[in-house]
Protein backbone atom coordinates (compact mmCIF):
# COMPACT_ATOMS: atom_id res chain seq x y z
CA MET A 1 19.11 0.26 -4.29
CA THR A 2 16.68 -2.19 -2.81
CA GLU A 3 13.94 -4.21 -4.43
CA SER A 4 11.34 -2.23 -2.45
CA GLY A 5 12.62 1.07 -3.81
CA ALA A 6 15.16 3.69 -2.88
CA LEU A 7 15.42 7.42 -3.36
CA LEU A 8 18.31 9.75 -3.83
CA GLU A 9 17.99 12.39 -1.14
CA CYS A 10 15.04 14.22 -2.48
CA LYS A 11 16.02 17.35 -4.23
CA SER A 12 13.54 15.80 -6.62
CA ILE A 13 9.95 16.85 -6.78
CA HIS A 14 9.24 13.34 -8.03
CA GLU A 15 9.63 11.55 -4.70
CA TYR A 16 5.92 10.69 -4.51
CA SER A 17 6.12 8.56 -7.65
CA TYR A 18 8.18 6.03 -5.66
CA TYR A 19 5.62 5.63 -2.85
CA PHE A 20 4.43 2.35 -4.38
CA PRO A 21 5.63 -1.23 -4.63
CA ARG A 22 8.34 -1.41 -7.28
CA ASP A 23 6.24 -3.27 -9.86
CA CYS A 24 2.94 -1.48 -9.19
CA PRO A 25 1.42 -0.18 -12.43
CA ARG A 26 0.33 3.42 -12.08
CA ILE A 27 -0.53 6.48 -14.09
CA ILE A 28 0.42 9.92 -12.87
CA CYS A 29 -1.31 12.97 -14.33
CA LYS A 30 -0.09 16.51 -13.62
CA LYS A 31 -2.06 19.70 -14.05
CA THR A 32 0.03 22.50 -15.51
CA ASP A 33 -0.56 26.08 -16.63
CA THR A 34 -0.47 24.91 -20.24
CA LEU A 35 -3.22 22.31 -19.79
CA SER A 36 -5.98 22.78 -22.35
CA ASP A 37 -9.56 23.27 -21.19
CA GLU A 38 -10.45 20.00 -22.94
CA ASN A 39 -7.80 18.02 -21.05
CA ASN A 40 -8.64 19.76 -17.79
CA GLU A 41 -12.24 18.63 -18.27
CA LYS A 42 -11.22 15.12 -19.33
CA PHE A 43 -8.57 14.34 -16.70
CA PHE A 44 -9.12 16.71 -13.76
CA LYS A 45 -12.89 17.16 -13.66
CA HIS A 46 -14.14 16.93 -10.08
CA SER A 47 -10.68 17.39 -8.56
CA ASN A 48 -8.78 20.29 -7.04
CA ALA A 49 -5.53 18.32 -7.01
CA ASP A 50 -2.67 19.23 -9.34
CA ILE A 51 -1.46 15.63 -9.35
CA ILE A 52 -3.64 12.53 -9.65
CA ILE A 53 -2.21 9.04 -9.35
CA THR A 54 -4.35 6.13 -10.49
CA VAL A 55 -3.55 2.51 -9.62
CA GLU A 56 -5.40 -0.76 -9.98
CA SER A 57 -7.55 -1.74 -7.01
CA SER A 58 -5.87 -5.11 -6.68
CA TRP A 59 -2.68 -3.34 -5.57
CA TYR A 60 -4.33 -1.63 -2.59
CA PRO A 61 -3.21 -4.14 0.11
CA ARG A 62 0.40 -4.02 -1.10
CA ILE A 63 0.40 -0.22 -1.27
CA MET A 64 -1.01 0.01 2.26
CA ASN A 65 1.82 -2.16 3.59
CA GLN A 66 4.61 -0.76 1.43
CA VAL A 67 7.81 0.38 3.11
CA ILE A 68 10.53 2.16 1.15
CA TYR A 69 13.95 3.40 2.11
CA ARG A 70 15.28 6.87 1.34
CA TYR A 71 19.02 6.82 0.85
CA HIS A 72 20.84 10.07 1.63
CA PHE A 73 24.03 10.63 -0.36
CA ASP A 74 26.65 13.28 -0.73
CA ASP A 75 25.45 14.53 -4.11
CA THR A 76 28.91 15.58 -5.33
CA ASN A 77 29.24 12.60 -7.69
CA PHE A 78 25.66 12.60 -8.96
CA GLU A 79 24.40 14.18 -12.14
CA ARG A 80 20.92 14.58 -13.54
CA PHE A 81 20.14 11.72 -15.89
CA ASP A 82 16.49 12.48 -16.71
CA ALA A 83 14.97 15.82 -15.71
CA THR A 84 11.41 14.76 -16.54
CA ALA A 85 11.52 11.69 -14.30
CA GLY A 86 13.86 13.23 -11.73
CA TYR A 87 16.58 10.58 -12.06
CA TYR A 88 20.13 11.18 -10.86
CA ILE A 89 23.03 8.79 -11.37
CA SER A 90 26.61 8.39 -10.22
CA TYR A 91 29.29 6.58 -12.17
CA GLN A 92 31.20 5.96 -8.95
CA VAL A 93 30.38 3.62 -6.12
CA THR A 94 28.73 5.80 -3.50
CA LYS A 95 27.80 4.78 0.01
CA PRO A 96 24.77 6.33 1.70
CA LEU A 97 25.34 8.80 4.52
CA HIS A 98 22.22 7.43 6.19
CA ILE A 99 18.97 5.65 5.32
CA ASP A 100 15.41 6.55 6.35
CA ARG A 101 12.68 3.95 6.60
CA MET A 102 9.46 5.39 5.15
CA GLU A 103 6.00 3.96 5.74
CA GLY A 104 2.48 5.37 5.73
CA LEU A 105 3.00 6.24 2.09
CA ILE A 106 -0.66 6.89 1.25
CA GLU A 107 -0.81 9.45 4.05
CA ARG A 108 2.36 11.05 2.67
CA LEU A 109 0.63 11.40 -0.71
CA PHE A 110 -2.37 13.06 0.90
CA LYS A 111 -0.15 15.48 2.83
CA LYS A 112 1.38 16.54 -0.49
CA GLY A 113 -2.11 17.29 -1.85
CA ILE A 114 -1.96 14.38 -4.30
CA GLU A 115 -5.19 12.62 -5.18
CA LEU A 116 -4.99 8.83 -5.23
CA ARG A 117 -7.55 6.94 -7.30
CA PHE A 118 -8.20 3.23 -7.54
CA THR A 119 -9.71 1.52 -10.55
CA PRO A 120 -10.20 -2.11 -11.54
CA ASN A 121 -8.21 -1.57 -14.74
CA LEU A 122 -5.79 1.09 -16.02
CA TYR A 123 -6.29 0.45 -19.75
CA PRO A 124 -9.19 2.92 -20.28
CA LEU A 125 -7.24 5.78 -18.67
CA ARG A 126 -4.09 4.89 -20.59
CA GLU A 127 -5.96 4.87 -23.89
CA ALA A 128 -7.65 8.20 -23.08
CA ILE A 129 -4.26 9.77 -22.38
CA LEU A 130 -2.49 8.29 -25.39
CA THR A 131 -5.24 9.38 -27.79
CA SER A 132 -5.25 12.94 -26.44
CA ASP A 133 -2.73 15.75 -26.71
CA PHE A 134 -2.17 15.64 -22.96
CA LYS A 135 1.59 15.70 -22.25
CA GLU A 136 2.06 15.90 -18.47
CA PHE A 137 1.72 12.26 -17.48
CA GLY A 138 3.74 9.22 -16.54
CA ILE A 139 2.79 5.61 -17.14
CA HIS A 140 4.83 3.38 -14.84
CA ARG A 141 5.22 -0.43 -14.89
CA PHE A 142 2.28 -0.81 -17.24
CA ASN A 143 3.44 -4.27 -18.28
CA ASN A 144 2.11 -5.35 -14.84
CA ALA A 145 -1.38 -3.92 -15.44
CA THR A 146 -4.30 -6.33 -15.63
CA LYS A 147 -4.76 -7.37 -19.25
CA VAL A 148 -8.12 -6.65 -20.84
């Protein structure tokens, strides 16, 4: 896998979570059928999207220029490692069948119906999520978020 990111051929519905620079802090919120009215109001008010990704504004230039590579593998030797995150692993050395260069990642998010939000700081959203009973979220690379 490369420093800029790589994807197992996407049987995964989680592909979009890799459309960012590797170290980009981000919070992904997913609307589900079990979402409480309170959490719907708190996290999805004013949105029709089922997935909202929030990143810090300072990452915008890097996100705009991000290129990732999708590696296509014969999936025979891969097994699901983490269903929630969509991770697959192989315990054998596996060479890609081919590699796709992917750019225009923000547009790809929009085509998937994902809302992308920018904020100066992720801490308030993180605290709101962690002090709620909301369960359908991912907090990625938060150690790189701007300290408050």
